[in-house]
Amino acid sequence: ACLEGIQLAAEWINKPTIIESDCLTIVKVLHEMGVNRSGITNIVKELKASMTLLLQVRVRKIGRECNRVAYELAQLAKLITNCAVWRMRAPSCVNELLKLDCNPIFD
C-alpha cells in the first residue's frame, strides 16, 4: 500500500510530500541508508526508488489514531476484489473522517 501510494504521488503531485505511517518498521527502513537485509528488501528498494521521483519527501511516524482514513480504506480494500483509485472524490465510508484528518497546507 505504501509503495502504491508513493508511486501515485509521484505521478500526480509536483510539490513537497510528507509520507505518514503508523508502521514504525516502514518508517525506519525508509530512513535507513545502505542495504536493507530484511524480508522486504525488494519492496524497500522499490519504495526508495519511487521516493526519488518526488520533488521533496519527508517520512514520519504517526499514531494509529491519526491514521483513521487509511485504516478505513484498508478495511474497504479487504471487502472489494479489485484495485481502485479515487482522484476527485473519496469513497463515502471516509468522507467524514477526511474532514477531521486533513490539514491542508496553503501556499
PDB file of N, CA and C in Angstrom:
ATOM      1  N   ALA A   1       0.832  -1.192   0.000  1.00  0.00           N
ATOM      2  CA  ALA A   1       0.000   0.000   0.000  1.00  0.00           C
ATOM      3  C   ALA A   1       0.877   1.257   0.000  1.00  0.00           C
ATOM      4  N   CYS A   2       1.924   1.236   0.783  1.00  0.00           N
ATOM      5  CA  CYS A   2       2.825   2.395   0.843  1.00  0.00           C
ATOM      6  C   CYS A   2       3.489   2.630  -0.511  1.00  0.00           C
ATOM      7  N   LEU A   3       3.945   1.552  -1.141  1.00  0.00           N
ATOM      8  CA  LEU A   3       4.584   1.672  -2.445  1.00  0.00           C
ATOM      9  C   LEU A   3       3.616   2.246  -3.472  1.00  0.00           C
ATOM     10  N   GLU A   4       2.411   1.736  -3.511  1.00  0.00           N
ATOM     11  CA  GLU A   4       1.439   2.239  -4.479  1.00  0.00           C
ATOM     12  C   GLU A   4       1.112   3.704  -4.217  1.00  0.00           C
ATOM     13  N   GLY A   5       1.003   4.070  -2.957  1.00  0.00           N
ATOM     14  CA  GLY A   5       0.742   5.460  -2.609  1.00  0.00           C
ATOM     15  C   GLY A   5       1.851   6.393  -3.049  1.00  0.00           C
ATOM     16  N   ILE A   6       3.088   5.979  -2.860  1.00  0.00           N
ATOM     17  CA  ILE A   6       4.228   6.795  -3.280  1.00  0.00           C
ATOM     18  C   ILE A   6       4.269   6.911  -4.796  1.00  0.00           C
ATOM     19  N   GLN A   7       4.007   5.819  -5.485  1.00  0.00           N
ATOM     20  CA  GLN A   7       4.006   5.856  -6.949  1.00  0.00           C
ATOM     21  C   GLN A   7       2.904   6.768  -7.482  1.00  0.00           C
ATOM     22  N   LEU A   8       1.737   6.730  -6.868  1.00  0.00           N
ATOM     23  CA  LEU A   8       0.650   7.618  -7.288  1.00  0.00           C
ATOM     24  C   LEU A   8       0.994   9.075  -6.993  1.00  0.00           C
ATOM     25  N   ALA A   9       1.595   9.329  -5.843  1.00  0.00           N
ATOM     26  CA  ALA A   9       2.002  10.695  -5.506  1.00  0.00           C
ATOM     27  C   ALA A   9       3.033  11.210  -6.502  1.00  0.00           C
ATOM     28  N   ALA A  10       3.971  10.363  -6.884  1.00  0.00           N
ATOM     29  CA  ALA A  10       4.994  10.772  -7.853  1.00  0.00           C
ATOM     30  C   ALA A  10       4.371  11.093  -9.210  1.00  0.00           C
ATOM     31  N   GLU A  11       3.303  10.390  -9.548  1.00  0.00           N
ATOM     32  CA  GLU A  11       2.616  10.610 -10.817  1.00  0.00           C
ATOM     33  C   GLU A  11       1.778  11.887 -10.803  1.00  0.00           C
ATOM     34  N   TRP A  12       1.142  12.194  -9.690  1.00  0.00           N
ATOM     35  CA  TRP A  12       0.167  13.278  -9.636  1.00  0.00           C
ATOM     36  C   TRP A  12       0.660  14.579  -9.029  1.00  0.00           C
ATOM     37  N   ILE A  13       1.647  14.501  -8.138  1.00  0.00           N
ATOM     38  CA  ILE A  13       1.994  15.668  -7.322  1.00  0.00           C
ATOM     39  C   ILE A  13       3.391  16.169  -7.660  1.00  0.00           C
ATOM     40  N   ASN A  14       3.488  17.456  -7.869  1.00  0.00           N
ATOM     41  CA  ASN A  14       4.787  18.078  -8.110  1.00  0.00           C
ATOM     42  C   ASN A  14       5.058  19.101  -7.004  1.00  0.00           C
ATOM     43  N   LYS A  15       4.869  18.667  -5.771  1.00  0.00           N
ATOM     44  CA  LYS A  15       5.077  19.513  -4.598  1.00  0.00           C
ATOM     45  C   LYS A  15       5.759  18.675  -3.526  1.00  0.00           C
ATOM     46  N   PRO A  16       6.303  19.330  -2.512  1.00  0.00           N
ATOM     47  CA  PRO A  16       6.873  18.559  -1.390  1.00  0.00           C
ATOM     48  C   PRO A  16       5.806  17.627  -0.799  1.00  0.00           C
ATOM     49  N   THR A  17       6.228  16.437  -0.401  1.00  0.00           N
ATOM     50  CA  THR A  17       5.310  15.403   0.054  1.00  0.00           C
ATOM     51  C   THR A  17       5.737  14.884   1.423  1.00  0.00           C
ATOM     52  N   ILE A  18       4.777  14.635   2.271  1.00  0.00           N
ATOM     53  CA  ILE A  18       5.031  14.012   3.570  1.00  0.00           C
ATOM     54  C   ILE A  18       4.360  12.648   3.558  1.00  0.00           C
ATOM     55  N   ILE A  19       5.137  11.615   3.805  1.00  0.00           N
ATOM     56  CA  ILE A  19       4.612  10.261   3.909  1.00  0.00           C
ATOM     57  C   ILE A  19       4.454   9.973   5.393  1.00  0.00           C
ATOM     58  N   GLU A  20       3.224   9.704   5.802  1.00  0.00           N
ATOM     59  CA  GLU A  20       2.943   9.395   7.188  1.00  0.00           C
ATOM     60  C   GLU A  20       2.517   7.940   7.288  1.00  0.00           C
ATOM     61  N   SER A  21       3.059   7.257   8.289  1.00  0.00           N
ATOM     62  CA  SER A  21       2.689   5.865   8.501  1.00  0.00           C
ATOM     63  C   SER A  21       2.609   5.580   9.990  1.00  0.00           C
ATOM     64  N   ASP A  22       1.696   4.696  10.360  1.00  0.00           N
ATOM     65  CA  ASP A  22       1.643   4.255  11.745  1.00  0.00           C
ATOM     66  C   ASP A  22       2.474   2.984  11.927  1.00  0.00           C
ATOM     67  N   CYS A  23       3.178   2.574  10.881  1.00  0.00           N
ATOM     68  CA  CYS A  23       4.027   1.386  10.928  1.00  0.00           C
ATOM     69  C   CYS A  23       5.488   1.811  11.140  1.00  0.00           C
ATOM     70  N   LEU A  24       5.982   1.615  12.357  1.00  0.00           N
ATOM     71  CA  LEU A  24       7.335   2.030  12.694  1.00  0.00           C
ATOM     72  C   LEU A  24       8.378   1.322  11.826  1.00  0.00           C
ATOM     73  N   THR A  25       8.140   0.078  11.476  1.00  0.00           N
ATOM     74  CA  THR A  25       9.086  -0.680  10.643  1.00  0.00           C
ATOM     75  C   THR A  25       9.292   0.005   9.294  1.00  0.00           C
ATOM     76  N   ILE A  26       8.213   0.402   8.643  1.00  0.00           N
ATOM     77  CA  ILE A  26       8.307   1.070   7.348  1.00  0.00           C
ATOM     78  C   ILE A  26       9.033   2.403   7.487  1.00  0.00           C
ATOM     79  N   VAL A  27       8.682   3.170   8.500  1.00  0.00           N
ATOM     80  CA  VAL A  27       9.327   4.466   8.714  1.00  0.00           C
ATOM     81  C   VAL A  27      10.830   4.287   8.912  1.00  0.00           C
ATOM     82  N   LYS A  28      11.215   3.305   9.709  1.00  0.00           N
ATOM     83  CA  LYS A  28      12.644   3.068   9.960  1.00  0.00           C
ATOM     84  C   LYS A  28      13.389   2.673   8.694  1.00  0.00           C
ATOM     85  N   VAL A  29      12.835   1.741   7.906  1.00  0.00           N
ATOM     86  CA  VAL A  29      13.560   1.299   6.708  1.00  0.00           C
ATOM     87  C   VAL A  29      13.639   2.408   5.659  1.00  0.00           C
ATOM     88  N   LEU A  30      12.653   3.307   5.631  1.00  0.00           N
ATOM     89  CA  LEU A  30      12.718   4.410   4.672  1.00  0.00           C
ATOM     90  C   LEU A  30      13.738   5.458   5.084  1.00  0.00           C
ATOM     91  N   HIS A  31      14.049   5.531   6.362  1.00  0.00           N
ATOM     92  CA  HIS A  31      15.078   6.450   6.833  1.00  0.00           C
ATOM     93  C   HIS A  31      16.486   5.859   6.736  1.00  0.00           C
ATOM     94  N   GLU A  32      16.588   4.531   6.685  1.00  0.00           N
ATOM     95  CA  GLU A  32      17.892   3.860   6.658  1.00  0.00           C
ATOM     96  C   GLU A  32      18.645   4.153   5.371  1.00  0.00           C
ATOM     97  N   MET A  33      19.932   4.312   5.526  1.00  0.00           N
ATOM     98  CA  MET A  33      20.817   4.415   4.366  1.00  0.00           C
ATOM     99  C   MET A  33      21.506   3.060   4.229  1.00  0.00           C
ATOM    100  N   GLY A  34      21.900   2.723   3.052  1.00  0.00           N
ATOM    101  CA  GLY A  34      22.600   1.463   2.862  1.00  0.00           C
ATOM    102  C   GLY A  34      21.655   0.332   2.507  1.00  0.00           C
ATOM    103  N   VAL A  35      22.162  -0.878   2.623  1.00  0.00           N
ATOM    104  CA  VAL A  35      21.446  -2.074   2.191  1.00  0.00           C
ATOM    105  C   VAL A  35      20.519  -2.559   3.293  1.00  0.00           C
ATOM    106  N   ASN A  36      19.316  -2.879   2.905  1.00  0.00           N
ATOM    107  CA  ASN A  36      18.339  -3.451   3.818  1.00  0.00           C
ATOM    108  C   ASN A  36      18.355  -4.954   3.630  1.00  0.00           C
ATOM    109  N   ARG A  37      18.511  -5.692   4.710  1.00  0.00           N
ATOM    110  CA  ARG A  37      18.604  -7.151   4.609  1.00  0.00           C
ATOM    111  C   ARG A  37      17.374  -7.863   5.171  1.00  0.00           C
ATOM    112  N   SER A  38      16.284  -7.157   5.284  1.00  0.00           N
ATOM    113  CA  SER A  38      15.073  -7.773   5.821  1.00  0.00           C
ATOM    114  C   SER A  38      14.365  -8.582   4.730  1.00  0.00           C
ATOM    115  N   GLY A  39      13.261  -9.199   5.110  1.00  0.00           N
ATOM    116  CA  GLY A  39      12.480  -9.999   4.162  1.00  0.00           C
ATOM    117  C   GLY A  39      11.754  -9.158   3.129  1.00  0.00           C
ATOM    118  N   ILE A  40      11.743  -7.841   3.319  1.00  0.00           N
ATOM    119  CA  ILE A  40      11.047  -6.964   2.370  1.00  0.00           C
ATOM    120  C   ILE A  40      12.037  -6.102   1.565  1.00  0.00           C
ATOM    121  N   THR A  41      13.231  -6.626   1.383  1.00  0.00           N
ATOM    122  CA  THR A  41      14.292  -5.880   0.702  1.00  0.00           C
ATOM    123  C   THR A  41      13.864  -5.333  -0.652  1.00  0.00           C
ATOM    124  N   ASN A  42      13.243  -6.147  -1.473  1.00  0.00           N
ATOM    125  CA  ASN A  42      12.864  -5.697  -2.815  1.00  0.00           C
ATOM    126  C   ASN A  42      11.819  -4.600  -2.774  1.00  0.00           C
ATOM    127  N   ILE A  43      10.870  -4.719  -1.847  1.00  0.00           N
ATOM    128  CA  ILE A  43       9.858  -3.675  -1.719  1.00  0.00           C
ATOM    129  C   ILE A  43      10.500  -2.372  -1.239  1.00  0.00           C
ATOM    130  N   VAL A  44      11.433  -2.480  -0.298  1.00  0.00           N
ATOM    131  CA  VAL A  44      12.127  -1.292   0.210  1.00  0.00           C
ATOM    132  C   VAL A  44      12.887  -0.605  -0.916  1.00  0.00           C
ATOM    133  N   LYS A  45      13.549  -1.381  -1.760  1.00  0.00           N
ATOM    134  CA  LYS A  45      14.268  -0.805  -2.914  1.00  0.00           C
ATOM    135  C   LYS A  45      13.304  -0.057  -3.830  1.00  0.00           C
ATOM    136  N   GLU A  46      12.150  -0.658  -4.101  1.00  0.00           N
ATOM    137  CA  GLU A  46      11.151  -0.001  -4.952  1.00  0.00           C
ATOM    138  C   GLU A  46      10.610   1.264  -4.297  1.00  0.00           C
ATOM    139  N   LEU A  47      10.366   1.204  -2.983  1.00  0.00           N
ATOM    140  CA  LEU A  47       9.887   2.374  -2.257  1.00  0.00           C
ATOM    141  C   LEU A  47      10.878   3.525  -2.385  1.00  0.00           C
ATOM    142  N   LYS A  48      12.140   3.239  -2.112  1.00  0.00           N
ATOM    143  CA  LYS A  48      13.162   4.288  -2.144  1.00  0.00           C
ATOM    144  C   LYS A  48      13.363   4.828  -3.560  1.00  0.00           C
ATOM    145  N   ALA A  49      13.293   3.960  -4.558  1.00  0.00           N
ATOM    146  CA  ALA A  49      13.415   4.410  -5.948  1.00  0.00           C
ATOM    147  C   ALA A  49      12.245   5.312  -6.316  1.00  0.00           C
ATOM    148  N   SER A  50      11.050   4.955  -5.892  1.00  0.00           N
ATOM    149  CA  SER A  50       9.869   5.777  -6.179  1.00  0.00           C
ATOM    150  C   SER A  50       9.936   7.107  -5.444  1.00  0.00           C
ATOM    151  N   MET A  51      10.489   7.114  -4.246  1.00  0.00           N
ATOM    152  CA  MET A  51      10.616   8.357  -3.485  1.00  0.00           C
ATOM    153  C   MET A  51      11.526   9.358  -4.187  1.00  0.00           C
ATOM    154  N   THR A  52      12.489   8.881  -4.968  1.00  0.00           N
ATOM    155  CA  THR A  52      13.388   9.799  -5.676  1.00  0.00           C
ATOM    156  C   THR A  52      12.653  10.565  -6.772  1.00  0.00           C
ATOM    157  N   LEU A  53      11.480  10.092  -7.171  1.00  0.00           N
ATOM    158  CA  LEU A  53      10.687  10.772  -8.191  1.00  0.00           C
ATOM    159  C   LEU A  53       9.880  11.934  -7.623  1.00  0.00           C
ATOM    160  N   LEU A  54       9.803  12.020  -6.307  1.00  0.00           N
ATOM    161  CA  LEU A  54       9.079  13.105  -5.658  1.00  0.00           C
ATOM    162  C   LEU A  54       9.987  14.319  -5.528  1.00  0.00           C
ATOM    163  N   LEU A  55       9.397  15.497  -5.637  1.00  0.00           N
ATOM    164  CA  LEU A  55      10.155  16.742  -5.564  1.00  0.00           C
ATOM    165  C   LEU A  55      10.945  16.836  -4.264  1.00  0.00           C
ATOM    166  N   GLN A  56      10.279  16.646  -3.169  1.00  0.00           N
ATOM    167  CA  GLN A  56      10.892  16.662  -1.844  1.00  0.00           C
ATOM    168  C   GLN A  56      10.024  15.758  -0.990  1.00  0.00           C
ATOM    169  N   VAL A  57      10.622  14.926  -0.178  1.00  0.00           N
ATOM    170  CA  VAL A  57       9.818  13.976   0.596  1.00  0.00           C
ATOM    171  C   VAL A  57      10.356  13.855   2.015  1.00  0.00           C
ATOM    172  N   ARG A  58       9.416  13.803   2.960  1.00  0.00           N
ATOM    173  CA  ARG A  58       9.734  13.528   4.356  1.00  0.00           C
ATOM    174  C   ARG A  58       8.891  12.339   4.782  1.00  0.00           C
ATOM    175  N   VAL A  59       9.459  11.520   5.649  1.00  0.00           N
ATOM    176  CA  VAL A  59       8.744  10.360   6.165  1.00  0.00           C
ATOM    177  C   VAL A  59       8.641  10.531   7.675  1.00  0.00           C
ATOM    178  N   ARG A  60       7.437  10.324   8.197  1.00  0.00           N
ATOM    179  CA  ARG A  60       7.304  10.456   9.644  1.00  0.00           C
ATOM    180  C   ARG A  60       6.314   9.446  10.195  1.00  0.00           C
ATOM    181  N   LYS A  61       6.561   9.063  11.433  1.00  0.00           N
ATOM    182  CA  LYS A  61       5.710   8.123  12.161  1.00  0.00           C
ATOM    183  C   LYS A  61       4.582   8.900  12.811  1.00  0.00           C
ATOM    184  N   ILE A  62       3.375   8.383  12.666  1.00  0.00           N
ATOM    185  CA  ILE A  62       2.227   8.980  13.345  1.00  0.00           C
ATOM    186  C   ILE A  62       1.515   7.894  14.139  1.00  0.00           C
ATOM    187  N   GLY A  63       0.715   8.297  15.073  1.00  0.00           N
ATOM    188  CA  GLY A  63      -0.051   7.337  15.858  1.00  0.00           C
ATOM    189  C   GLY A  63      -1.186   6.753  15.046  1.00  0.00           C
ATOM    190  N   ARG A  64      -1.577   5.564  15.381  1.00  0.00           N
ATOM    191  CA  ARG A  64      -2.661   4.890  14.668  1.00  0.00           C
ATOM    192  C   ARG A  64      -3.949   5.704  14.710  1.00  0.00           C
ATOM    193  N   GLU A  65      -4.189   6.409  15.809  1.00  0.00           N
ATOM    194  CA  GLU A  65      -5.399   7.229  15.921  1.00  0.00           C
ATOM    195  C   GLU A  65      -5.398   8.386  14.933  1.00  0.00           C
ATOM    196  N   CYS A  66      -4.228   8.746  14.416  1.00  0.00           N
ATOM    197  CA  CYS A  66      -4.123   9.829  13.429  1.00  0.00           C
ATOM    198  C   CYS A  66      -4.266   9.314  12.004  1.00  0.00           C
ATOM    199  N   ASN A  67      -4.468   8.032  11.856  1.00  0.00           N
ATOM    200  CA  ASN A  67      -4.468   7.422  10.530  1.00  0.00           C
ATOM    201  C   ASN A  67      -5.796   6.715  10.260  1.00  0.00           C
ATOM    202  N   ARG A  68      -6.887   7.322  10.693  1.00  0.00           N
ATOM    203  CA  ARG A  68      -8.201   6.684  10.590  1.00  0.00           C
ATOM    204  C   ARG A  68      -8.646   6.490   9.151  1.00  0.00           C
ATOM    205  N   VAL A  69      -8.325   7.438   8.284  1.00  0.00           N
ATOM    206  CA  VAL A  69      -8.727   7.311   6.876  1.00  0.00           C
ATOM    207  C   VAL A  69      -8.036   6.098   6.255  1.00  0.00           C
ATOM    208  N   ALA A  70      -6.738   5.964   6.496  1.00  0.00           N
ATOM    209  CA  ALA A  70      -6.005   4.819   5.950  1.00  0.00           C
ATOM    210  C   ALA A  70      -6.566   3.503   6.486  1.00  0.00           C
ATOM    211  N   TYR A  71      -6.918   3.479   7.762  1.00  0.00           N
ATOM    212  CA  TYR A  71      -7.490   2.271   8.353  1.00  0.00           C
ATOM    213  C   TYR A  71      -8.810   1.902   7.679  1.00  0.00           C
ATOM    214  N   GLU A  72      -9.683   2.874   7.504  1.00  0.00           N
ATOM    215  CA  GLU A  72     -10.979   2.604   6.868  1.00  0.00           C
ATOM    216  C   GLU A  72     -10.814   2.165   5.416  1.00  0.00           C
ATOM    217  N   LEU A  73      -9.862   2.769   4.708  1.00  0.00           N
ATOM    218  CA  LEU A  73      -9.614   2.354   3.321  1.00  0.00           C
ATOM    219  C   LEU A  73      -9.052   0.937   3.266  1.00  0.00           C
ATOM    220  N   ALA A  74      -8.239   0.567   4.251  1.00  0.00           N
ATOM    221  CA  ALA A  74      -7.728  -0.806   4.308  1.00  0.00           C
ATOM    222  C   ALA A  74      -8.869  -1.790   4.542  1.00  0.00           C
ATOM    223  N   GLN A  75      -9.817  -1.406   5.395  1.00  0.00           N
ATOM    224  CA  GLN A  75     -10.978  -2.265   5.628  1.00  0.00           C
ATOM    225  C   GLN A  75     -11.804  -2.410   4.345  1.00  0.00           C
ATOM    226  N   LEU A  76     -11.968  -1.319   3.614  1.00  0.00           N
ATOM    227  CA  LEU A  76     -12.690  -1.358   2.342  1.00  0.00           C
ATOM    228  C   LEU A  76     -11.971  -2.260   1.341  1.00  0.00           C
ATOM    229  N   ALA A  77     -10.640  -2.174   1.316  1.00  0.00           N
ATOM    230  CA  ALA A  77      -9.853  -2.992   0.382  1.00  0.00           C
ATOM    231  C   ALA A  77     -10.037  -4.478   0.651  1.00  0.00           C
ATOM    232  N   LYS A  78     -10.261  -4.839   1.900  1.00  0.00           N
ATOM    233  CA  LYS A  78     -10.493  -6.247   2.235  1.00  0.00           C
ATOM    234  C   LYS A  78     -11.825  -6.745   1.666  1.00  0.00           C
ATOM    235  N   LEU A  79     -12.778  -5.813   1.489  1.00  0.00           N
ATOM    236  CA  LEU A  79     -14.110  -6.201   1.031  1.00  0.00           C
ATOM    237  C   LEU A  79     -14.245  -6.256  -0.487  1.00  0.00           C
ATOM    238  N   ILE A  80     -13.515  -5.375  -1.187  1.00  0.00           N
ATOM    239  CA  ILE A  80     -13.648  -5.346  -2.645  1.00  0.00           C
ATOM    240  C   ILE A  80     -12.550  -6.187  -3.271  1.00  0.00           C
ATOM    241  N   THR A  81     -12.810  -6.684  -4.461  1.00  0.00           N
ATOM    242  CA  THR A  81     -11.864  -7.606  -5.092  1.00  0.00           C
ATOM    243  C   THR A  81     -10.994  -6.947  -6.150  1.00  0.00           C
ATOM    244  N   ASN A  82     -11.252  -5.686  -6.445  1.00  0.00           N
ATOM    245  CA  ASN A  82     -10.438  -5.036  -7.468  1.00  0.00           C
ATOM    246  C   ASN A  82      -9.722  -3.837  -6.859  1.00  0.00           C
ATOM    247  N   CYS A  83      -8.745  -3.346  -7.562  1.00  0.00           N
ATOM    248  CA  CYS A  83      -7.973  -2.185  -7.135  1.00  0.00           C
ATOM    249  C   CYS A  83      -8.724  -0.920  -7.560  1.00  0.00           C
ATOM    250  N   ALA A  84      -8.747   0.072  -6.691  1.00  0.00           N
ATOM    251  CA  ALA A  84      -9.469   1.299  -7.011  1.00  0.00           C
ATOM    252  C   ALA A  84      -8.654   2.517  -6.583  1.00  0.00           C
ATOM    253  N   VAL A  85      -8.786   3.584  -7.356  1.00  0.00           N
ATOM    254  CA  VAL A  85      -8.160   4.860  -7.041  1.00  0.00           C
ATOM    255  C   VAL A  85      -9.231   5.925  -7.197  1.00  0.00           C
ATOM    256  N   TRP A  86      -9.384   6.777  -6.207  1.00  0.00           N
ATOM    257  CA  TRP A  86     -10.339   7.866  -6.266  1.00  0.00           C
ATOM    258  C   TRP A  86      -9.558   9.154  -6.420  1.00  0.00           C
ATOM    259  N   ARG A  87      -9.673   9.797  -7.571  1.00  0.00           N
ATOM    260  CA  ARG A  87      -8.890  11.009  -7.831  1.00  0.00           C
ATOM    261  C   ARG A  87      -9.586  12.288  -7.399  1.00  0.00           C
ATOM    262  N   MET A  88     -10.845  12.433  -7.660  1.00  0.00           N
ATOM    263  CA  MET A  88     -11.529  13.696  -7.404  1.00  0.00           C
ATOM    264  C   MET A  88     -12.457  13.646  -6.191  1.00  0.00           C
ATOM    265  N   ARG A  89     -12.764  12.470  -5.709  1.00  0.00           N
ATOM    266  CA  ARG A  89     -13.611  12.345  -4.529  1.00  0.00           C
ATOM    267  C   ARG A  89     -13.280  11.046  -3.827  1.00  0.00           C
ATOM    268  N   ALA A  90     -13.593  11.006  -2.563  1.00  0.00           N
ATOM    269  CA  ALA A  90     -13.284   9.836  -1.744  1.00  0.00           C
ATOM    270  C   ALA A  90     -14.506   8.929  -1.647  1.00  0.00           C
ATOM    271  N   PRO A  91     -14.288   7.662  -1.319  1.00  0.00           N
ATOM    272  CA  PRO A  91     -15.431   6.792  -1.088  1.00  0.00           C
ATOM    273  C   PRO A  91     -16.223   7.290   0.129  1.00  0.00           C
ATOM    274  N   SER A  92     -17.504   7.056   0.121  1.00  0.00           N
ATOM    275  CA  SER A  92     -18.380   7.597   1.161  1.00  0.00           C
ATOM    276  C   SER A  92     -17.988   7.156   2.566  1.00  0.00           C
ATOM    277  N   CYS A  93     -17.354   6.000   2.704  1.00  0.00           N
ATOM    278  CA  CYS A  93     -17.005   5.495   4.036  1.00  0.00           C
ATOM    279  C   CYS A  93     -15.973   6.360   4.759  1.00  0.00           C
ATOM    280  N   VAL A  94     -15.287   7.255   4.049  1.00  0.00           N
ATOM    281  CA  VAL A  94     -14.263   8.087   4.701  1.00  0.00           C
ATOM    282  C   VAL A  94     -14.518   9.587   4.601  1.00  0.00           C
ATOM    283  N   ASN A  95     -15.629   9.990   4.012  1.00  0.00           N
ATOM    284  CA  ASN A  95     -15.888  11.426   3.832  1.00  0.00           C
ATOM    285  C   ASN A  95     -15.805  12.214   5.131  1.00  0.00           C
ATOM    286  N   GLU A  96     -16.472  11.761   6.178  1.00  0.00           N
ATOM    287  CA  GLU A  96     -16.458  12.484   7.450  1.00  0.00           C
ATOM    288  C   GLU A  96     -15.077  12.459   8.089  1.00  0.00           C
ATOM    289  N   LEU A  97     -14.393  11.328   7.994  1.00  0.00           N
ATOM    290  CA  LEU A  97     -13.041  11.234   8.558  1.00  0.00           C
ATOM    291  C   LEU A  97     -12.076  12.173   7.856  1.00  0.00           C
ATOM    292  N   LEU A  98     -12.227  12.333   6.552  1.00  0.00           N
ATOM    293  CA  LEU A  98     -11.355  13.239   5.807  1.00  0.00           C
ATOM    294  C   LEU A  98     -11.475  14.668   6.321  1.00  0.00           C
ATOM    295  N   LYS A  99     -12.673  15.073   6.647  1.00  0.00           N
ATOM    296  CA  LYS A  99     -12.867  16.424   7.170  1.00  0.00           C
ATOM    297  C   LYS A  99     -12.112  16.616   8.483  1.00  0.00           C
ATOM    298  N   LEU A 100     -11.990  15.564   9.267  1.00  0.00           N
ATOM    299  CA  LEU A 100     -11.300  15.625  10.554  1.00  0.00           C
ATOM    300  C   LEU A 100      -9.798  15.456  10.416  1.00  0.00           C
ATOM    301  N   ASP A 101      -9.355  14.596   9.474  1.00  0.00           N
ATOM    302  CA  ASP A 101      -7.940  14.237   9.360  1.00  0.00           C
ATOM    303  C   ASP A 101      -7.113  15.176   8.485  1.00  0.00           C
ATOM    304  N   CYS A 102      -7.708  15.781   7.499  1.00  0.00           N
ATOM    305  CA  CYS A 102      -6.936  16.575   6.541  1.00  0.00           C
ATOM    306  C   CYS A 102      -6.610  17.948   7.105  1.00  0.00           C
ATOM    307  N   ASN A 103      -5.366  18.299   6.981  1.00  0.00           N
ATOM    308  CA  ASN A 103      -4.886  19.623   7.371  1.00  0.00           C
ATOM    309  C   ASN A 103      -4.246  20.251   6.149  1.00  0.00           C
ATOM    310  N   PRO A 104      -5.027  20.943   5.314  1.00  0.00           N
ATOM    311  CA  PRO A 104      -4.465  21.497   4.081  1.00  0.00           C
ATOM    312  C   PRO A 104      -3.370  22.513   4.357  1.00  0.00           C
ATOM    313  N   ILE A 105      -2.383  22.511   3.502  1.00  0.00           N
ATOM    314  CA  ILE A 105      -1.289  23.475   3.569  1.00  0.00           C
ATOM    315  C   ILE A 105      -1.476  24.449   2.426  1.00  0.00           C
ATOM    316  N   PHE A 106      -1.554  25.705   2.734  1.00  0.00           N
ATOM    317  CA  PHE A 106      -1.770  26.709   1.700  1.00  0.00           C
ATOM    318  C   PHE A 106      -0.458  27.363   1.336  1.00  0.00           C
ATOM    319  N   ASP A 107      -0.256  27.585   0.038  1.00  0.00           N
ATOM    320  CA  ASP A 107       0.976  28.230  -0.448  1.00  0.00           C
ATOM    321  C   ASP A 107       0.960  29.709  -0.155  1.00  0.00           C
TER     322      ASP A 107
END
